[in-house]
mmCIF file of all heavy atoms, coordinates in Angstrom:
data_MODEL
# 
_entry.id   MODEL 
# 
loop_
_atom_site.group_PDB 
_atom_site.id 
_atom_site.type_symbol 
_atom_site.label_atom_id 
_atom_site.label_alt_id 
_atom_site.label_comp_id 
_atom_site.label_asym_id 
_atom_site.label_entity_id 
_atom_site.label_seq_id 
_atom_site.pdbx_PDB_ins_code 
_atom_site.Cartn_x 
_atom_site.Cartn_y 
_atom_site.Cartn_z 
_atom_site.occupancy 
_atom_site.B_iso_or_equiv 
_atom_site.pdbx_formal_charge 
_atom_site.auth_seq_id 
_atom_site.auth_comp_id 
_atom_site.auth_asym_id 
_atom_site.auth_atom_id 
_atom_site.pdbx_PDB_model_num 
ATOM 1   N N   . THR A 1 1  ? 0.855   -1.225  -0.030  1.00 0.00 ? 1  THR A N   1 
ATOM 2   C CA  . THR A 1 1  ? 0.029   -0.003  0.025   1.00 0.00 ? 1  THR A CA  1 
ATOM 3   C C   . THR A 1 1  ? 0.804   1.250   -0.017  1.00 0.00 ? 1  THR A C   1 
ATOM 4   O O   . THR A 1 1  ? 0.537   2.222   -0.612  1.00 0.00 ? 1  THR A O   1 
ATOM 5   C CB  . THR A 1 1  ? -0.935  -0.107  1.169   1.00 0.00 ? 1  THR A CB  1 
ATOM 6   O OG1 . THR A 1 1  ? -1.709  -1.224  1.242   1.00 0.00 ? 1  THR A OG1 1 
ATOM 7   C CG2 . THR A 1 1  ? -1.903  1.052   1.145   1.00 0.00 ? 1  THR A CG2 1 
ATOM 8   N N   . LYS A 1 2  ? 1.978   1.322   0.679   1.00 0.00 ? 2  LYS A N   1 
ATOM 9   C CA  . LYS A 1 2  ? 2.804   2.376   0.730   1.00 0.00 ? 2  LYS A CA  1 
ATOM 10  C C   . LYS A 1 2  ? 3.503   2.667   -0.647  1.00 0.00 ? 2  LYS A C   1 
ATOM 11  O O   . LYS A 1 2  ? 3.589   3.712   -1.053  1.00 0.00 ? 2  LYS A O   1 
ATOM 12  C CB  . LYS A 1 2  ? 4.035   2.141   1.716   1.00 0.00 ? 2  LYS A CB  1 
ATOM 13  C CG  . LYS A 1 2  ? 3.652   2.335   3.179   1.00 0.00 ? 2  LYS A CG  1 
ATOM 14  C CD  . LYS A 1 2  ? 4.759   1.954   4.132   1.00 0.00 ? 2  LYS A CD  1 
ATOM 15  C CE  . LYS A 1 2  ? 5.991   2.729   3.994   1.00 0.00 ? 2  LYS A CE  1 
ATOM 16  N NZ  . LYS A 1 2  ? 7.139   2.337   4.811   1.00 0.00 ? 2  LYS A NZ  1 
ATOM 17  N N   . GLN A 1 3  ? 3.865   1.538   -1.390  1.00 0.00 ? 3  GLN A N   1 
ATOM 18  C CA  . GLN A 1 3  ? 4.371   1.635   -2.650  1.00 0.00 ? 3  GLN A CA  1 
ATOM 19  C C   . GLN A 1 3  ? 3.364   2.254   -3.548  1.00 0.00 ? 3  GLN A C   1 
ATOM 20  O O   . GLN A 1 3  ? 3.670   3.190   -4.399  1.00 0.00 ? 3  GLN A O   1 
ATOM 21  C CB  . GLN A 1 3  ? 4.777   0.322   -3.218  1.00 0.00 ? 3  GLN A CB  1 
ATOM 22  C CG  . GLN A 1 3  ? 5.906   -0.269  -2.572  1.00 0.00 ? 3  GLN A CG  1 
ATOM 23  C CD  . GLN A 1 3  ? 6.345   -1.740  -3.004  1.00 0.00 ? 3  GLN A CD  1 
ATOM 24  O OE1 . GLN A 1 3  ? 7.028   -2.426  -2.375  1.00 0.00 ? 3  GLN A OE1 1 
ATOM 25  N NE2 . GLN A 1 3  ? 5.634   -2.142  -4.080  1.00 0.00 ? 3  GLN A NE2 1 
ATOM 26  N N   . PHE A 1 4  ? 2.065   1.767   -3.530  1.00 0.00 ? 4  PHE A N   1 
ATOM 27  C CA  . PHE A 1 4  ? 1.042   2.336   -4.267  1.00 0.00 ? 4  PHE A CA  1 
ATOM 28  C C   . PHE A 1 4  ? 0.838   3.781   -4.054  1.00 0.00 ? 4  PHE A C   1 
ATOM 29  O O   . PHE A 1 4  ? 0.756   4.655   -4.930  1.00 0.00 ? 4  PHE A O   1 
ATOM 30  C CB  . PHE A 1 4  ? -0.270  1.612   -4.172  1.00 0.00 ? 4  PHE A CB  1 
ATOM 31  C CG  . PHE A 1 4  ? -1.454  2.156   -4.826  1.00 0.00 ? 4  PHE A CG  1 
ATOM 32  C CD1 . PHE A 1 4  ? -1.507  2.142   -6.175  1.00 0.00 ? 4  PHE A CD1 1 
ATOM 33  C CD2 . PHE A 1 4  ? -2.375  2.745   -4.062  1.00 0.00 ? 4  PHE A CD2 1 
ATOM 34  C CE1 . PHE A 1 4  ? -2.638  2.721   -6.769  1.00 0.00 ? 4  PHE A CE1 1 
ATOM 35  C CE2 . PHE A 1 4  ? -3.530  3.419   -4.730  1.00 0.00 ? 4  PHE A CE2 1 
ATOM 36  C CZ  . PHE A 1 4  ? -3.685  3.316   -6.060  1.00 0.00 ? 4  PHE A CZ  1 
ATOM 37  N N   . ALA A 1 5  ? 0.737   4.230   -2.725  1.00 0.00 ? 5  ALA A N   1 
ATOM 38  C CA  . ALA A 1 5  ? 0.470   5.552   -2.420  1.00 0.00 ? 5  ALA A CA  1 
ATOM 39  C C   . ALA A 1 5  ? 1.607   6.452   -2.910  1.00 0.00 ? 5  ALA A C   1 
ATOM 40  O O   . ALA A 1 5  ? 1.408   7.686   -3.131  1.00 0.00 ? 5  ALA A O   1 
ATOM 41  C CB  . ALA A 1 5  ? 0.248   5.711   -0.901  1.00 0.00 ? 5  ALA A CB  1 
ATOM 42  N N   . SER A 1 6  ? 2.836   5.931   -2.913  1.00 0.00 ? 6  SER A N   1 
ATOM 43  C CA  . SER A 1 6  ? 3.986   6.686   -3.392  1.00 0.00 ? 6  SER A CA  1 
ATOM 44  C C   . SER A 1 6  ? 4.236   6.699   -4.937  1.00 0.00 ? 6  SER A C   1 
ATOM 45  O O   . SER A 1 6  ? 5.266   7.034   -5.333  1.00 0.00 ? 6  SER A O   1 
ATOM 46  C CB  . SER A 1 6  ? 5.189   6.170   -2.649  1.00 0.00 ? 6  SER A CB  1 
ATOM 47  O OG  . SER A 1 6  ? 5.141   6.275   -1.309  1.00 0.00 ? 6  SER A OG  1 
ATOM 48  N N   . ARG A 1 7  ? 3.150   6.142   -5.626  1.00 0.00 ? 7  ARG A N   1 
ATOM 49  C CA  . ARG A 1 7  ? 3.221   6.112   -7.019  1.00 0.00 ? 7  ARG A CA  1 
ATOM 50  C C   . ARG A 1 7  ? 4.289   5.162   -7.544  1.00 0.00 ? 7  ARG A C   1 
ATOM 51  O O   . ARG A 1 7  ? 4.807   5.374   -8.665  1.00 0.00 ? 7  ARG A O   1 
ATOM 52  C CB  . ARG A 1 7  ? 3.390   7.444   -7.613  1.00 0.00 ? 7  ARG A CB  1 
ATOM 53  C CG  . ARG A 1 7  ? 2.270   8.453   -7.337  1.00 0.00 ? 7  ARG A CG  1 
ATOM 54  C CD  . ARG A 1 7  ? 2.466   9.886   -7.729  1.00 0.00 ? 7  ARG A CD  1 
ATOM 55  N NE  . ARG A 1 7  ? 1.407   10.768  -7.337  1.00 0.00 ? 7  ARG A NE  1 
ATOM 56  C CZ  . ARG A 1 7  ? 0.292   10.967  -7.901  1.00 0.00 ? 7  ARG A CZ  1 
ATOM 57  N NH1 . ARG A 1 7  ? 0.144   10.501  -9.159  1.00 0.00 ? 7  ARG A NH1 1 
ATOM 58  N NH2 . ARG A 1 7  ? -0.570  11.922  -7.453  1.00 0.00 ? 7  ARG A NH2 1 
ATOM 59  N N   . LEU A 1 8  ? 4.590   4.128   -6.794  1.00 0.00 ? 8  LEU A N   1 
ATOM 60  C CA  . LEU A 1 8  ? 5.445   3.129   -7.274  1.00 0.00 ? 8  LEU A CA  1 
ATOM 61  C C   . LEU A 1 8  ? 4.730   1.835   -7.655  1.00 0.00 ? 8  LEU A C   1 
ATOM 62  O O   . LEU A 1 8  ? 3.557   1.747   -7.298  1.00 0.00 ? 8  LEU A O   1 
ATOM 63  C CB  . LEU A 1 8  ? 6.400   2.753   -6.111  1.00 0.00 ? 8  LEU A CB  1 
ATOM 64  C CG  . LEU A 1 8  ? 7.343   3.888   -5.699  1.00 0.00 ? 8  LEU A CG  1 
ATOM 65  C CD1 . LEU A 1 8  ? 8.110   3.518   -4.307  1.00 0.00 ? 8  LEU A CD1 1 
ATOM 66  C CD2 . LEU A 1 8  ? 8.344   4.260   -6.807  1.00 0.00 ? 8  LEU A CD2 1 
ATOM 67  N N   . PRO A 1 9  ? 5.310   0.902   -8.448  1.00 0.00 ? 9  PRO A N   1 
ATOM 68  C CA  . PRO A 1 9  ? 4.526   -0.266  -8.792  1.00 0.00 ? 9  PRO A CA  1 
ATOM 69  C C   . PRO A 1 9  ? 4.101   -0.983  -7.578  1.00 0.00 ? 9  PRO A C   1 
ATOM 70  O O   . PRO A 1 9  ? 4.680   -1.138  -6.521  1.00 0.00 ? 9  PRO A O   1 
ATOM 71  C CB  . PRO A 1 9  ? 5.564   -1.103  -9.523  1.00 0.00 ? 9  PRO A CB  1 
ATOM 72  C CG  . PRO A 1 9  ? 6.621   -0.109  -10.067 1.00 0.00 ? 9  PRO A CG  1 
ATOM 73  C CD  . PRO A 1 9  ? 6.625   0.953   -8.957  1.00 0.00 ? 9  PRO A CD  1 
ATOM 74  N N   . ALA A 1 10 ? 2.894   -1.492  -7.613  1.00 0.00 ? 10 ALA A N   1 
ATOM 75  C CA  . ALA A 1 10 ? 2.212   -2.298  -6.552  1.00 0.00 ? 10 ALA A CA  1 
ATOM 76  C C   . ALA A 1 10 ? 1.253   -3.373  -7.186  1.00 0.00 ? 10 ALA A C   1 
ATOM 77  O O   . ALA A 1 10 ? 0.811   -3.235  -8.255  1.00 0.00 ? 10 ALA A O   1 
ATOM 78  C CB  . ALA A 1 10 ? 1.525   -1.409  -5.509  1.00 0.00 ? 10 ALA A CB  1 
ATOM 79  N N   . ASN A 1 11 ? 0.878   -4.278  -6.336  1.00 0.00 ? 11 ASN A N   1 
ATOM 80  C CA  . ASN A 1 11 ? 0.022   -5.436  -6.883  1.00 0.00 ? 11 ASN A CA  1 
ATOM 81  C C   . ASN A 1 11 ? -1.389  -5.276  -6.379  1.00 0.00 ? 11 ASN A C   1 
ATOM 82  O O   . ASN A 1 11 ? -1.599  -4.823  -5.199  1.00 0.00 ? 11 ASN A O   1 
ATOM 83  C CB  . ASN A 1 11 ? 0.611   -6.728  -6.441  1.00 0.00 ? 11 ASN A CB  1 
ATOM 84  C CG  . ASN A 1 11 ? 1.702   -7.241  -7.339  1.00 0.00 ? 11 ASN A CG  1 
ATOM 85  O OD1 . ASN A 1 11 ? 1.544   -7.329  -8.511  1.00 0.00 ? 11 ASN A OD1 1 
ATOM 86  N ND2 . ASN A 1 11 ? 2.986   -7.444  -6.791  1.00 0.00 ? 11 ASN A ND2 1 
ATOM 87  N N   . ASN A 1 12 ? -2.350  -5.701  -7.178  1.00 0.00 ? 12 ASN A N   1 
ATOM 88  C CA  . ASN A 1 12 ? -3.686  -6.058  -6.517  1.00 0.00 ? 12 ASN A CA  1 
ATOM 89  C C   . ASN A 1 12 ? -3.520  -7.151  -5.478  1.00 0.00 ? 12 ASN A C   1 
ATOM 90  O O   . ASN A 1 12 ? -2.671  -7.996  -5.635  1.00 0.00 ? 12 ASN A O   1 
ATOM 91  C CB  . ASN A 1 12 ? -4.620  -6.581  -7.648  1.00 0.00 ? 12 ASN A CB  1 
ATOM 92  C CG  . ASN A 1 12 ? -4.821  -5.581  -8.719  1.00 0.00 ? 12 ASN A CG  1 
ATOM 93  O OD1 . ASN A 1 12 ? -4.972  -4.420  -8.489  1.00 0.00 ? 12 ASN A OD1 1 
ATOM 94  N ND2 . ASN A 1 12 ? -4.596  -5.994  -9.987  1.00 0.00 ? 12 ASN A ND2 1 
ATOM 95  N N   . ALA A 1 13 ? -4.340  -7.053  -4.348  1.00 0.00 ? 13 ALA A N   1 
ATOM 96  C CA  . ALA A 1 13 ? -4.131  -8.104  -3.299  1.00 0.00 ? 13 ALA A CA  1 
ATOM 97  C C   . ALA A 1 13 ? -5.452  -8.827  -2.995  1.00 0.00 ? 13 ALA A C   1 
ATOM 98  O O   . ALA A 1 13 ? -6.507  -8.265  -3.038  1.00 0.00 ? 13 ALA A O   1 
ATOM 99  C CB  . ALA A 1 13 ? -3.738  -7.333  -1.960  1.00 0.00 ? 13 ALA A CB  1 
ATOM 100 N N   . LEU A 1 14 ? -5.210  -10.159 -2.836  1.00 0.00 ? 14 LEU A N   1 
ATOM 101 C CA  . LEU A 1 14 ? -6.332  -11.096 -2.490  1.00 0.00 ? 14 LEU A CA  1 
ATOM 102 C C   . LEU A 1 14 ? -6.069  -11.482 -1.083  1.00 0.00 ? 14 LEU A C   1 
ATOM 103 O O   . LEU A 1 14 ? -5.026  -12.206 -0.842  1.00 0.00 ? 14 LEU A O   1 
ATOM 104 C CB  . LEU A 1 14 ? -6.369  -12.237 -3.439  1.00 0.00 ? 14 LEU A CB  1 
ATOM 105 C CG  . LEU A 1 14 ? -7.553  -13.286 -3.039  1.00 0.00 ? 14 LEU A CG  1 
ATOM 106 C CD1 . LEU A 1 14 ? -8.931  -12.655 -3.006  1.00 0.00 ? 14 LEU A CD1 1 
ATOM 107 C CD2 . LEU A 1 14 ? -7.467  -14.443 -3.942  1.00 0.00 ? 14 LEU A CD2 1 
ATOM 108 N N   . LEU A 1 15 ? -6.905  -11.197 -0.100  1.00 0.00 ? 15 LEU A N   1 
ATOM 109 C CA  . LEU A 1 15 ? -6.812  -11.617 1.235   1.00 0.00 ? 15 LEU A CA  1 
ATOM 110 C C   . LEU A 1 15 ? -7.857  -12.831 1.448   1.00 0.00 ? 15 LEU A C   1 
ATOM 111 O O   . LEU A 1 15 ? -8.995  -12.549 1.368   1.00 0.00 ? 15 LEU A O   1 
ATOM 112 C CB  . LEU A 1 15 ? -7.161  -10.564 2.307   1.00 0.00 ? 15 LEU A CB  1 
ATOM 113 C CG  . LEU A 1 15 ? -6.030  -9.328  2.455   1.00 0.00 ? 15 LEU A CG  1 
ATOM 114 C CD1 . LEU A 1 15 ? -6.184  -8.541  1.114   1.00 0.00 ? 15 LEU A CD1 1 
ATOM 115 C CD2 . LEU A 1 15 ? -6.319  -8.560  3.610   1.00 0.00 ? 15 LEU A CD2 1 
ATOM 116 N N   . TRP A 1 16 ? -7.341  -14.018 1.563   1.00 0.00 ? 16 TRP A N   1 
ATOM 117 C CA  . TRP A 1 16 ? -8.212  -15.156 1.619   1.00 0.00 ? 16 TRP A CA  1 
ATOM 118 C C   . TRP A 1 16 ? -7.961  -15.982 2.884   1.00 0.00 ? 16 TRP A C   1 
ATOM 119 O O   . TRP A 1 16 ? -6.899  -15.841 3.477   1.00 0.00 ? 16 TRP A O   1 
ATOM 120 C CB  . TRP A 1 16 ? -7.944  -16.046 0.445   1.00 0.00 ? 16 TRP A CB  1 
ATOM 121 C CG  . TRP A 1 16 ? -6.590  -16.734 0.412   1.00 0.00 ? 16 TRP A CG  1 
ATOM 122 C CD1 . TRP A 1 16 ? -5.404  -16.135 0.016   1.00 0.00 ? 16 TRP A CD1 1 
ATOM 123 C CD2 . TRP A 1 16 ? -6.312  -18.022 0.920   1.00 0.00 ? 16 TRP A CD2 1 
ATOM 124 N NE1 . TRP A 1 16 ? -4.446  -17.094 0.111   1.00 0.00 ? 16 TRP A NE1 1 
ATOM 125 C CE2 . TRP A 1 16 ? -4.917  -18.185 0.689   1.00 0.00 ? 16 TRP A CE2 1 
ATOM 126 C CE3 . TRP A 1 16 ? -7.013  -19.000 1.472   1.00 0.00 ? 16 TRP A CE3 1 
ATOM 127 C CZ2 . TRP A 1 16 ? -4.207  -19.370 1.044   1.00 0.00 ? 16 TRP A CZ2 1 
ATOM 128 C CZ3 . TRP A 1 16 ? -6.321  -20.206 1.920   1.00 0.00 ? 16 TRP A CZ3 1 
ATOM 129 C CH2 . TRP A 1 16 ? -5.026  -20.274 1.671   1.00 0.00 ? 16 TRP A CH2 1 
ATOM 130 N N   . GLY A 1 17 ? -8.976  -16.856 3.209   1.00 0.00 ? 17 GLY A N   1 
ATOM 131 C CA  . GLY A 1 17 ? -8.811  -17.742 4.304   1.00 0.00 ? 17 GLY A CA  1 
ATOM 132 C C   . GLY A 1 17 ? -9.921  -17.732 5.368   1.00 0.00 ? 17 GLY A C   1 
ATOM 133 O O   . GLY A 1 17 ? -11.110 -17.357 5.060   1.00 0.00 ? 17 GLY A O   1 
ATOM 134 N N   . ALA A 1 18 ? -9.557  -18.098 6.529   1.00 0.00 ? 18 ALA A N   1 
ATOM 135 C CA  . ALA A 1 18 ? -10.546 -18.331 7.717   1.00 0.00 ? 18 ALA A CA  1 
ATOM 136 C C   . ALA A 1 18 ? -11.448 -17.074 7.905   1.00 0.00 ? 18 ALA A C   1 
ATOM 137 O O   . ALA A 1 18 ? -10.991 -15.993 7.933   1.00 0.00 ? 18 ALA A O   1 
ATOM 138 C CB  . ALA A 1 18 ? -9.802  -18.791 8.893   1.00 0.00 ? 18 ALA A CB  1 
ATOM 139 N N   . ARG A 1 19 ? -12.659 -17.485 8.241   1.00 0.00 ? 19 ARG A N   1 
ATOM 140 C CA  . ARG A 1 19 ? -13.692 -16.344 8.547   1.00 0.00 ? 19 ARG A CA  1 
ATOM 141 C C   . ARG A 1 19 ? -13.317 -15.678 9.877   1.00 0.00 ? 19 ARG A C   1 
ATOM 142 O O   . ARG A 1 19 ? -12.852 -16.405 10.842  1.00 0.00 ? 19 ARG A O   1 
ATOM 143 C CB  . ARG A 1 19 ? -15.030 -16.913 8.583   1.00 0.00 ? 19 ARG A CB  1 
ATOM 144 C CG  . ARG A 1 19 ? -15.685 -17.510 7.354   1.00 0.00 ? 19 ARG A CG  1 
ATOM 145 C CD  . ARG A 1 19 ? -17.130 -17.854 7.455   1.00 0.00 ? 19 ARG A CD  1 
ATOM 146 N NE  . ARG A 1 19 ? -17.304 -18.869 8.514   1.00 0.00 ? 19 ARG A NE  1 
ATOM 147 C CZ  . ARG A 1 19 ? -17.191 -20.084 8.431   1.00 0.00 ? 19 ARG A CZ  1 
ATOM 148 N NH1 . ARG A 1 19 ? -16.949 -20.685 7.259   1.00 0.00 ? 19 ARG A NH1 1 
ATOM 149 N NH2 . ARG A 1 19 ? -17.454 -20.965 9.517   1.00 0.00 ? 19 ARG A NH2 1 
ATOM 150 N N   . GLY A 1 20 ? -13.649 -14.387 9.991   1.00 0.00 ? 20 GLY A N   1 
ATOM 151 C CA  . GLY A 1 20 ? -13.444 -13.677 11.147  1.00 0.00 ? 20 GLY A CA  1 
ATOM 152 C C   . GLY A 1 20 ? -11.925 -13.457 11.687  1.00 0.00 ? 20 GLY A C   1 
ATOM 153 O O   . GLY A 1 20 ? -11.807 -13.097 12.807  1.00 0.00 ? 20 GLY A O   1 
ATOM 154 N N   . MET A 1 21 ? -11.060 -13.589 10.819  1.00 0.00 ? 21 MET A N   1 
ATOM 155 C CA  . MET A 1 21 ? -9.725  -13.471 11.154  1.00 0.00 ? 21 MET A CA  1 
ATOM 156 C C   . MET A 1 21 ? -9.008  -12.132 10.699  1.00 0.00 ? 21 MET A C   1 
ATOM 157 O O   . MET A 1 21 ? -7.798  -11.974 10.653  1.00 0.00 ? 21 MET A O   1 
ATOM 158 C CB  . MET A 1 21 ? -8.784  -14.627 10.637  1.00 0.00 ? 21 MET A CB  1 
ATOM 159 C CG  . MET A 1 21 ? -8.882  -15.845 11.408  1.00 0.00 ? 21 MET A CG  1 
ATOM 160 S SD  . MET A 1 21 ? -8.482  -15.660 13.152  1.00 0.00 ? 21 MET A SD  1 
ATOM 161 C CE  . MET A 1 21 ? -6.847  -15.026 13.043  1.00 0.00 ? 21 MET A CE  1 
ATOM 162 N N   . GLY A 1 22 ? -9.957  -11.094 10.370  1.00 0.00 ? 22 GLY A N   1 
ATOM 163 C CA  . GLY A 1 22 ? -9.438  -9.772  10.339  1.00 0.00 ? 22 GLY A CA  1 
ATOM 164 C C   . GLY A 1 22 ? -9.084  -9.356  8.833   1.00 0.00 ? 22 GLY A C   1 
ATOM 165 O O   . GLY A 1 22 ? -8.383  -8.370  8.631   1.00 0.00 ? 22 GLY A O   1 
ATOM 166 N N   . LYS A 1 23 ? -9.581  -10.062 7.869   1.00 0.00 ? 23 LYS A N   1 
ATOM 167 C CA  . LYS A 1 23 ? -9.176  -9.647  6.527   1.00 0.00 ? 23 LYS A CA  1 
ATOM 168 C C   . LYS A 1 23 ? -9.708  -8.267  6.047   1.00 0.00 ? 23 LYS A C   1 
ATOM 169 O O   . LYS A 1 23 ? -8.873  -7.439  5.663   1.00 0.00 ? 23 LYS A O   1 
ATOM 170 C CB  . LYS A 1 23 ? -9.804  -10.739 5.457   1.00 0.00 ? 23 LYS A CB  1 
ATOM 171 C CG  . LYS A 1 23 ? -9.265  -12.113 5.689   1.00 0.00 ? 23 LYS A CG  1 
ATOM 172 C CD  . LYS A 1 23 ? -9.757  -13.118 4.685   1.00 0.00 ? 23 LYS A CD  1 
ATOM 173 C CE  . LYS A 1 23 ? -11.219 -13.397 4.739   1.00 0.00 ? 23 LYS A CE  1 
ATOM 174 N NZ  . LYS A 1 23 ? -11.565 -14.122 5.915   1.00 0.00 ? 23 LYS A NZ  1 
ATOM 175 N N   . SER A 1 24 ? -10.976 -8.000  6.245   1.00 0.00 ? 24 SER A N   1 
ATOM 176 C CA  . SER A 1 24 ? -11.406 -6.685  5.891   1.00 0.00 ? 24 SER A CA  1 
ATOM 177 C C   . SER A 1 24 ? -11.047 -5.566  6.884   1.00 0.00 ? 24 SER A C   1 
ATOM 178 O O   . SER A 1 24 ? -10.672 -4.515  6.612   1.00 0.00 ? 24 SER A O   1 
ATOM 179 C CB  . SER A 1 24 ? -12.978 -6.687  5.878   1.00 0.00 ? 24 SER A CB  1 
ATOM 180 O OG  . SER A 1 24 ? -13.532 -7.036  7.119   1.00 0.00 ? 24 SER A OG  1 
# 
């Protein structure tokens, strides 16, 4: 996120896994 905010290359991100573990 820092790279993206600084106009540097960054990736789309997929946060996957167990329910209720703080992804959002």
